[in-house]
Protein backbone atom coordinates (compact mmCIF):
# COMPACT_ATOMS: atom_id res chain seq x y z
CA MET A 1 49.28 -67.12 -36.93
CA HIS A 2 49.65 -70.44 -35.56
CA GLN A 3 52.85 -71.18 -33.20
CA SER A 4 54.78 -74.02 -32.02
CA LEU A 5 55.56 -74.60 -28.31
CA TYR A 6 58.66 -73.39 -27.27
CA LEU A 7 60.26 -76.64 -25.47
CA ASP A 8 62.85 -74.59 -23.91
CA LYS A 9 59.87 -72.78 -21.93
CA LEU A 10 57.75 -76.04 -20.84
CA ILE A 11 58.93 -75.99 -17.57
CA VAL A 12 55.97 -76.92 -14.89
CA PRO A 13 56.85 -77.08 -11.20
CA GLY A 14 55.71 -80.32 -9.71
CA PHE A 15 55.43 -82.33 -13.10
CA GLY A 16 56.95 -85.53 -13.06
CA HIS A 17 57.11 -85.54 -17.09
CA VAL A 18 55.94 -83.61 -19.88
CA GLU A 19 55.97 -84.62 -23.41
CA VAL A 20 55.24 -83.01 -26.82
CA VAL A 21 54.51 -84.87 -29.88
CA GLU A 22 53.68 -83.64 -33.13
CA THR A 23 50.88 -85.41 -34.14
CA SER A 24 48.29 -87.68 -32.17
CA SER A 25 45.19 -89.07 -33.09
CA SER A 26 44.17 -88.45 -29.30
CA THR A 27 46.00 -87.51 -26.64
CA ASN A 28 44.22 -89.22 -24.04
CA ALA A 29 44.32 -92.64 -25.44
CA GLU A 30 47.80 -92.32 -26.26
CA LEU A 31 48.44 -91.42 -22.53
CA VAL A 32 46.26 -94.11 -21.04
CA ALA A 33 48.24 -96.88 -22.93
CA ALA A 34 51.82 -95.52 -22.50
CA VAL A 35 51.12 -95.28 -18.21
CA ARG A 36 49.41 -99.08 -18.69
CA SER A 37 52.60 -99.91 -20.58
CA ASP A 38 55.30 -98.10 -18.56
CA PRO A 39 53.69 -96.44 -15.22
CA ALA A 40 56.71 -95.68 -13.79
CA ALA A 41 58.09 -93.33 -16.99
CA TRP A 42 54.78 -91.28 -16.16
CA PRO A 43 54.78 -90.16 -12.37
CA ALA A 44 51.38 -88.14 -11.06
CA PRO A 45 51.29 -85.43 -12.55
CA SER A 46 52.64 -85.88 -16.06
CA ALA A 47 51.32 -84.16 -19.01
CA LEU A 48 51.29 -85.39 -23.12
CA ILE A 49 50.61 -82.45 -25.33
CA ALA A 50 50.14 -82.97 -29.01
CA GLU A 51 51.25 -80.17 -31.64
CA HIS A 52 48.22 -81.68 -33.64
CA GLN A 53 45.16 -84.01 -32.78
CA THR A 54 43.58 -85.72 -35.48
CA ALA A 55 40.52 -87.60 -33.57
CA GLY A 56 40.34 -85.83 -30.12
CA LYS A 57 37.97 -87.79 -27.74
CA GLY A 58 35.04 -85.90 -26.59
CA ARG A 59 32.43 -86.83 -24.08
CA ALA A 60 29.64 -89.63 -24.89
CA GLY A 61 32.11 -90.66 -28.09
CA ARG A 62 32.05 -87.83 -30.04
CA SER A 63 35.23 -87.01 -31.86
CA TRP A 64 36.83 -83.74 -33.20
CA GLU A 65 40.36 -82.25 -34.80
CA THR A 66 42.05 -78.97 -34.44
CA PRO A 67 44.31 -77.19 -36.82
CA ALA A 68 47.85 -78.14 -36.29
CA ARG A 69 49.26 -75.51 -33.49
CA ALA A 70 46.06 -73.67 -33.38
CA GLY A 71 44.87 -74.87 -30.03
CA LEU A 72 46.00 -76.76 -27.21
CA THR A 73 45.35 -80.67 -26.88
CA VAL A 74 46.84 -81.66 -23.68
CA SER A 75 46.22 -84.63 -21.46
CA VAL A 76 47.35 -84.69 -17.81
CA LEU A 77 48.04 -87.86 -15.91
CA LEU A 78 46.73 -87.67 -11.80
CA ARG A 79 46.55 -90.35 -9.00
CA PRO A 80 44.50 -87.75 -6.81
CA ARG A 81 44.17 -89.24 -3.12
CA VAL A 82 40.74 -88.68 -2.59
CA PRO A 83 37.75 -90.99 -2.09
CA VAL A 84 36.60 -92.56 -5.29
CA GLY A 85 33.05 -90.70 -4.91
CA ALA A 86 34.92 -87.16 -5.25
CA LEU A 87 36.33 -88.19 -8.45
CA GLY A 88 33.54 -86.43 -10.58
CA TRP A 89 34.63 -83.62 -9.63
CA LEU A 90 37.97 -83.58 -11.59
CA PRO A 91 36.16 -82.32 -15.07
CA LEU A 92 35.00 -79.52 -13.27
CA LEU A 93 38.26 -78.53 -11.29
CA ALA A 94 39.80 -78.71 -14.86
CA GLY A 95 37.18 -76.34 -16.33
CA LEU A 96 37.96 -73.86 -13.14
CA ALA A 97 41.53 -74.05 -13.96
CA VAL A 98 41.01 -73.15 -17.49
CA VAL A 99 39.18 -70.19 -16.45
CA ARG A 100 41.77 -69.27 -14.15
CA THR A 101 44.18 -69.49 -16.81
CA VAL A 102 42.62 -67.26 -19.51
CA SER A 103 41.45 -64.81 -16.92
CA ASP A 104 45.10 -64.27 -16.23
CA GLY A 105 44.93 -62.57 -20.01
CA GLY A 106 42.03 -60.36 -19.18
CA VAL A 107 39.48 -62.93 -20.85
CA THR A 108 36.27 -63.20 -18.95
CA ALA A 109 35.28 -66.75 -18.78
CA ALA A 110 32.57 -69.28 -17.26
CA VAL A 111 31.95 -72.84 -16.91
CA LYS A 112 29.34 -74.90 -18.26
CA TRP A 113 28.42 -78.18 -16.30
CA PRO A 114 30.15 -80.58 -16.49
CA ASN A 115 33.06 -80.12 -18.86
CA ASP A 116 32.63 -77.27 -21.26
CA VAL A 117 34.42 -73.46 -20.56
CA LEU A 118 32.92 -70.71 -22.26
CA LEU A 119 33.36 -67.14 -23.64
CA PRO A 120 30.88 -64.09 -24.08
CA ALA A 121 29.33 -63.83 -27.32
CA VAL A 122 27.36 -61.00 -28.91
CA ASP A 123 24.61 -63.01 -30.05
CA THR A 124 22.63 -65.98 -28.16
CA VAL A 125 23.66 -69.51 -29.27
CA ALA A 126 20.99 -72.20 -28.54
CA GLY A 127 21.81 -74.07 -25.37
CA LEU A 128 24.56 -71.84 -24.28
CA GLY A 129 23.02 -68.15 -24.28
CA LEU A 130 25.18 -65.05 -24.49
CA TYR A 131 28.59 -67.54 -24.99
CA ARG A 132 30.70 -69.85 -27.18
CA LYS A 133 32.69 -72.66 -26.23
CA VAL A 134 36.57 -72.52 -26.19
CA ALA A 135 37.51 -75.57 -24.38
CA GLY A 136 36.32 -79.06 -23.47
CA ILE A 137 37.47 -81.38 -20.82
CA LEU A 138 37.37 -85.29 -20.83
CA ALA A 139 38.19 -87.27 -17.50
CA GLU A 140 39.13 -90.95 -17.85
CA VAL A 141 40.20 -93.62 -15.32
CA VAL A 142 43.12 -95.55 -16.40
CA PRO A 143 42.86 -99.36 -16.29
CA GLU A 144 45.32 -100.63 -13.99
CA PRO A 145 47.03 -104.26 -14.99
CA PRO A 146 45.94 -107.36 -12.51
CA GLY A 147 48.07 -106.67 -9.40
CA ALA A 148 49.21 -103.17 -9.89
CA ASP A 149 50.13 -101.58 -6.64
CA ARG A 150 48.67 -98.40 -6.80
CA THR A 151 47.93 -95.70 -3.62
CA ALA A 152 45.31 -93.95 -6.16
CA PRO A 153 43.54 -94.64 -9.08
CA GLY A 154 45.16 -93.04 -12.39
CA VAL A 155 42.75 -90.54 -13.87
CA VAL A 156 43.63 -89.04 -17.30
CA LEU A 157 42.21 -85.52 -17.73
CA GLY A 158 42.07 -84.19 -21.15
CA ILE A 159 41.78 -80.63 -22.10
CA GLY A 160 41.17 -78.90 -25.41
CA LEU A 161 41.59 -75.38 -25.73
CA ASN A 162 40.98 -73.12 -28.64
CA VAL A 163 43.92 -70.66 -28.88
CA SER A 164 44.34 -69.07 -32.16
CA GLN A 165 42.14 -70.38 -34.52
CA SER A 166 40.23 -67.91 -36.68
CA ALA A 167 36.03 -68.27 -37.22
CA ALA A 168 36.95 -70.28 -40.52
CA GLU A 169 39.08 -73.11 -38.56
CA LEU A 170 36.46 -73.44 -35.61
CA PRO A 171 34.84 -77.19 -35.72
CA VAL A 172 31.08 -75.62 -35.39
CA PRO A 173 29.78 -72.02 -35.19
CA THR A 174 28.85 -72.17 -31.65
CA ALA A 175 32.67 -72.07 -30.99
CA THR A 176 35.39 -69.73 -30.45
CA SER A 177 39.09 -69.27 -30.04
CA LEU A 178 41.11 -66.99 -27.33
CA ALA A 179 42.35 -65.03 -30.65
CA LEU A 180 38.70 -63.96 -31.51
CA ALA A 181 37.67 -63.19 -27.88
CA GLY A 182 40.60 -60.63 -27.95
CA TYR A 183 42.70 -62.35 -25.92
CA PRO A 184 45.86 -59.91 -25.72
CA ARG A 185 48.78 -62.37 -26.08
CA PRO A 186 47.74 -65.74 -27.21
CA ASP A 187 51.13 -67.51 -26.99
CA ARG A 188 50.53 -71.03 -26.54
CA THR A 189 53.42 -72.10 -24.97
CA ASP A 190 52.82 -69.45 -22.35
CA VAL A 191 49.02 -70.46 -21.84
CA LEU A 192 49.95 -74.01 -21.68
CA VAL A 193 52.32 -73.53 -18.97
CA ARG A 194 50.08 -71.67 -16.88
CA LEU A 195 47.35 -74.08 -17.60
CA LEU A 196 49.24 -77.14 -16.48
CA GLY A 197 50.40 -74.83 -13.13
CA GLU A 198 46.38 -74.09 -12.62
CA VAL A 199 45.16 -77.59 -12.93
CA HIS A 200 48.12 -78.68 -10.15
CA ALA A 201 47.20 -75.80 -7.90
CA VAL A 202 43.57 -76.29 -8.03
CA VAL A 203 43.77 -80.23 -7.67
CA ARG A 204 46.34 -79.79 -4.65
CA ARG A 205 44.17 -77.74 -2.86
CA TRP A 206 40.99 -80.21 -3.35
CA GLU A 207 43.16 -83.43 -2.15
CA GLN A 208 44.64 -81.21 0.73
CA ALA A 209 40.87 -81.03 1.60
CA GLY A 210 40.32 -84.68 1.30
CA GLY A 211 38.31 -84.12 -2.11
CA ASP A 212 35.69 -82.13 -0.25
CA ALA A 213 35.51 -79.07 -2.88
CA ALA A 214 33.43 -77.10 -0.43
CA ALA A 215 35.96 -76.94 2.39
CA ALA A 216 38.77 -76.04 -0.37
CA GLY A 217 36.88 -73.33 -0.88
CA LEU A 218 36.77 -74.69 -4.55
CA LEU A 219 32.63 -75.15 -4.31
CA ASP A 220 32.39 -71.40 -4.02
CA GLU A 221 35.09 -70.19 -7.03
CA TYR A 222 33.18 -72.65 -9.32
CA THR A 223 29.88 -70.91 -8.68
CA ALA A 224 31.18 -67.78 -8.85
CA VAL A 225 31.98 -68.60 -12.65
CA SER A 226 29.40 -71.19 -13.58
CA SER A 227 27.00 -70.08 -16.49
CA THR A 228 24.75 -73.25 -15.69
CA LEU A 229 23.63 -72.93 -11.78
CA GLY A 230 20.99 -70.71 -11.11
CA THR A 231 19.53 -71.14 -14.74
CA ARG A 232 16.75 -72.93 -16.34
CA VAL A 233 18.24 -75.84 -18.14
CA ARG A 234 17.06 -78.91 -20.24
CA ALA A 235 18.82 -82.37 -18.95
CA GLU A 236 19.22 -85.10 -21.42
CA LEU A 237 20.33 -87.77 -19.32
CA ALA A 238 22.96 -90.35 -20.68
CA GLY A 239 22.00 -93.57 -22.27
CA GLY A 240 18.38 -92.33 -23.13
CA ALA A 241 17.51 -92.53 -19.51
CA GLY A 242 14.95 -89.44 -19.98
CA VAL A 243 15.10 -85.66 -19.89
CA LEU A 244 14.77 -83.49 -17.00
CA GLU A 245 14.00 -79.81 -17.12
CA GLY A 246 14.04 -77.34 -14.14
CA VAL A 247 16.40 -74.69 -12.07
CA ALA A 248 20.26 -76.00 -11.96
CA SER A 249 19.89 -75.42 -8.34
CA GLY A 250 23.26 -76.58 -7.06
CA LEU A 251 26.12 -79.37 -6.98
CA ASP A 252 26.60 -81.79 -4.50
CA GLU A 253 29.51 -83.32 -2.78
CA SER A 254 30.59 -85.78 -5.79
CA GLY A 255 30.19 -82.76 -8.33
CA ALA A 256 26.38 -83.85 -9.88
CA LEU A 257 24.41 -81.01 -11.02
CA VAL A 258 21.47 -80.98 -8.69
CA VAL A 259 17.97 -79.78 -10.94
CA ARG A 260 14.96 -78.50 -8.96
CA LEU A 261 12.20 -79.48 -10.89
CA ASP A 262 8.99 -77.33 -11.42
CA SER A 263 7.40 -79.86 -9.19
CA GLY A 264 9.67 -78.83 -6.31
CA GLU A 265 11.33 -82.23 -6.49
CA GLU A 266 15.16 -82.22 -6.49
CA ARG A 267 16.97 -84.68 -8.88
CA THR A 268 20.41 -85.36 -9.60
CA VAL A 269 22.31 -85.26 -12.79
CA THR A 270 25.54 -87.56 -12.89
CA ALA A 271 25.84 -87.82 -16.62
CA GLY A 272 24.45 -85.91 -19.92
CA ASP A 273 23.91 -83.23 -22.17
CA VAL A 274 22.53 -80.14 -20.22
CA TRP A 275 21.26 -77.05 -22.33
CA HIS A 276 20.65 -73.72 -20.99
CA LEU A 277 17.31 -72.41 -21.70
CA ARG A 278 16.30 -68.92 -22.34
């Protein structure tokens, strides 16, 4: 059964503002617009959550919709004080935060570079292996108005997590939900509070290390739960820039994926679709 969020339980230490709306076409788009219109009302970190999102924004312009009160659609405003070149780590850190959140409930999850969180499946799914997708992530820089005085760039981090959907309510057969995976207590409010707390904790560690994920110990944590690293992959580069095939051998300091081709050459993938090969 799908549940409404319990607003009196939405107490998230460290967050300046947490707002829940009944319906949103896209929490990312609405939060970006709200921050540009009235930045003082949205101190970082803040969060906008929708009970029902009708046209969520995915990577590469894709859109998706979830049934009302079945998943979590949340956008978080951050102003990380790190070098701009390190911002590519944000969707990876969000994926790690989701893994830590659902692992609290005894569900084993994995991250797929760059922006998916997966749960184990009993059968092989093309491009995913023995996994199905439970969450997706999208990071967007907030366009600042001319003359804005900001100590760090604003970034909106959108997370969509399937919580109580039945198989019939999933948008694609390669998806799953916490309930379908046997999550023992898929209460959306509890999961949301844990998720926001984990995002805050992970990003703080990263900031305290100056944006160096390795020095913060986050590179090791990410590697330990990655379904991509060490596997053979096919990377379809953004903008039709070509296709690479090889072994995902690591991540660089910006969070980009390093692929070792059969020739031994290493290439860096900063954006694109990455599929796991059998």
